[in-house]
């Protein structure tokens, strides 16, 4: 895992228990450089926001808010 991925994962891990209270279940959030940078009600809206910011890169961490999150997720491309 790259250091950027580790920073984003650590940022997510530090606040994941509060995300559903702050944004509501179903909201999409994005982390970049270890910071929460955007949130939106739909994935398309979030990706448009990231594109406007020049942050529509594969290393930006995007997740949909839920009441609980799995410990680990593996994404196979």
C-alpha atoms as a PDB file:
ATOM      1  CA  UNK A   1       0.000   0.000   0.000  1.00  0.00           C
ATOM      2  CA  UNK A   2       1.388   3.420  -0.964  1.00  0.00           C
ATOM      3  CA  UNK A   3       1.927   6.037   1.721  1.00  0.00           C
ATOM      4  CA  UNK A   4      -0.915   8.145   0.228  1.00  0.00           C
ATOM      5  CA  UNK A   5      -3.270   5.169   0.527  1.00  0.00           C
ATOM      6  CA  UNK A   6      -2.134   4.615   4.115  1.00  0.00           C
ATOM      7  CA  UNK A   7      -2.782   8.272   5.007  1.00  0.00           C
ATOM      8  CA  UNK A   8      -6.262   8.156   3.503  1.00  0.00           C
ATOM      9  CA  UNK A   9      -7.073   4.851   5.185  1.00  0.00           C
ATOM     10  CA  UNK A  10      -5.850   6.179   8.542  1.00  0.00           C
ATOM     11  CA  UNK A  11      -7.958   9.333   8.135  1.00  0.00           C
ATOM     12  CA  UNK A  12     -11.009   7.225   7.333  1.00  0.00           C
ATOM     13  CA  UNK A  13     -10.337   4.859  10.240  1.00  0.00           C
ATOM     14  CA  UNK A  14     -10.081   7.768  12.667  1.00  0.00           C
ATOM     15  CA  UNK A  15     -13.538   9.139  11.846  1.00  0.00           C
ATOM     16  CA  UNK A  16     -15.529   6.251  10.372  1.00  0.00           C
ATOM     17  CA  UNK A  17     -17.631   5.781  13.507  1.00  0.00           C
ATOM     18  CA  UNK A  18     -18.852   9.394  13.294  1.00  0.00           C
ATOM     19  CA  UNK A  19     -19.453   9.658   9.542  1.00  0.00           C
ATOM     20  CA  UNK A  20     -23.064   8.454   9.645  1.00  0.00           C
ATOM     21  CA  UNK A  21     -23.868  11.007  12.373  1.00  0.00           C
ATOM     22  CA  UNK A  22     -22.212  13.873  10.510  1.00  0.00           C
ATOM     23  CA  UNK A  23     -23.314  13.158   6.932  1.00  0.00           C
ATOM     24  CA  UNK A  24     -26.105  10.584   7.096  1.00  0.00           C
ATOM     25  CA  UNK A  25     -26.179   7.029   5.853  1.00  0.00           C
ATOM     26  CA  UNK A  26     -25.766   6.721   2.094  1.00  0.00           C
ATOM     27  CA  UNK A  27     -23.663   9.873   1.635  1.00  0.00           C
ATOM     28  CA  UNK A  28     -20.435   9.469  -0.324  1.00  0.00           C
ATOM     29  CA  UNK A  29     -17.236  10.921   1.161  1.00  0.00           C
ATOM     30  CA  UNK A  30     -13.734  11.336  -0.245  1.00  0.00           C
ATOM     31  CA  UNK A  31     -10.332  11.493   1.442  1.00  0.00           C
ATOM     32  CA  UNK A  32      -7.129  12.844  -0.110  1.00  0.00           C
ATOM     33  CA  UNK A  33      -3.743  13.413   1.504  1.00  0.00           C
ATOM     34  CA  UNK A  34      -5.189  12.219   4.814  1.00  0.00           C
ATOM     35  CA  UNK A  35      -8.018  14.777   4.810  1.00  0.00           C
ATOM     36  CA  UNK A  36     -11.773  14.563   4.280  1.00  0.00           C
ATOM     37  CA  UNK A  37     -12.150  16.681   1.137  1.00  0.00           C
ATOM     38  CA  UNK A  38     -15.689  16.237  -0.176  1.00  0.00           C
ATOM     39  CA  UNK A  39     -19.103  14.722   0.448  1.00  0.00           C
ATOM     40  CA  UNK A  40     -22.170  14.316  -1.746  1.00  0.00           C
ATOM     41  CA  UNK A  41     -25.487  12.489  -1.887  1.00  0.00           C
ATOM     42  CA  UNK A  42     -24.556  10.487  -4.989  1.00  0.00           C
ATOM     43  CA  UNK A  43     -21.416   8.925  -6.415  1.00  0.00           C
ATOM     44  CA  UNK A  44     -21.841  10.870  -9.664  1.00  0.00           C
ATOM     45  CA  UNK A  45     -22.140  14.147  -7.772  1.00  0.00           C
ATOM     46  CA  UNK A  46     -19.023  13.347  -5.738  1.00  0.00           C
ATOM     47  CA  UNK A  47     -16.954  12.406  -8.786  1.00  0.00           C
ATOM     48  CA  UNK A  48     -18.034  15.637 -10.499  1.00  0.00           C
ATOM     49  CA  UNK A  49     -16.935  17.617  -7.426  1.00  0.00           C
ATOM     50  CA  UNK A  50     -13.584  15.814  -7.378  1.00  0.00           C
ATOM     51  CA  UNK A  51     -13.080  16.505 -11.090  1.00  0.00           C
ATOM     52  CA  UNK A  52     -13.768  20.210 -10.527  1.00  0.00           C
ATOM     53  CA  UNK A  53     -11.096  20.195  -7.818  1.00  0.00           C
ATOM     54  CA  UNK A  54      -8.633  18.277 -10.013  1.00  0.00           C
ATOM     55  CA  UNK A  55      -8.756  15.398  -7.541  1.00  0.00           C
ATOM     56  CA  UNK A  56     -10.368  12.682  -9.680  1.00  0.00           C
ATOM     57  CA  UNK A  57      -7.388  10.350  -9.267  1.00  0.00           C
ATOM     58  CA  UNK A  58      -7.315   6.651  -8.408  1.00  0.00           C
ATOM     59  CA  UNK A  59      -5.510   7.327  -5.108  1.00  0.00           C
ATOM     60  CA  UNK A  60      -8.387   9.420  -3.705  1.00  0.00           C
ATOM     61  CA  UNK A  61     -10.264   7.228  -1.228  1.00  0.00           C
ATOM     62  CA  UNK A  62     -14.051   7.225  -1.761  1.00  0.00           C
ATOM     63  CA  UNK A  63     -16.554   5.395   0.434  1.00  0.00           C
ATOM     64  CA  UNK A  64     -20.306   5.402   1.002  1.00  0.00           C
ATOM     65  CA  UNK A  65     -21.259   6.135   4.607  1.00  0.00           C
ATOM     66  CA  UNK A  66     -22.857   3.279   6.543  1.00  0.00           C
ATOM     67  CA  UNK A  67     -23.697   2.631  10.194  1.00  0.00           C
ATOM     68  CA  UNK A  68     -20.813   0.178  10.373  1.00  0.00           C
ATOM     69  CA  UNK A  69     -17.941  -0.726   8.103  1.00  0.00           C
ATOM     70  CA  UNK A  70     -16.119  -4.006   7.515  1.00  0.00           C
ATOM     71  CA  UNK A  71     -12.665  -4.325   9.061  1.00  0.00           C
ATOM     72  CA  UNK A  72     -11.043  -4.892   5.648  1.00  0.00           C
ATOM     73  CA  UNK A  73     -12.132  -4.671   2.038  1.00  0.00           C
ATOM     74  CA  UNK A  74     -10.232  -5.960  -0.957  1.00  0.00           C
ATOM     75  CA  UNK A  75     -10.885  -4.395  -4.343  1.00  0.00           C
ATOM     76  CA  UNK A  76      -9.921  -6.506  -7.320  1.00  0.00           C
ATOM     77  CA  UNK A  77      -9.432  -4.651 -10.567  1.00  0.00           C
END
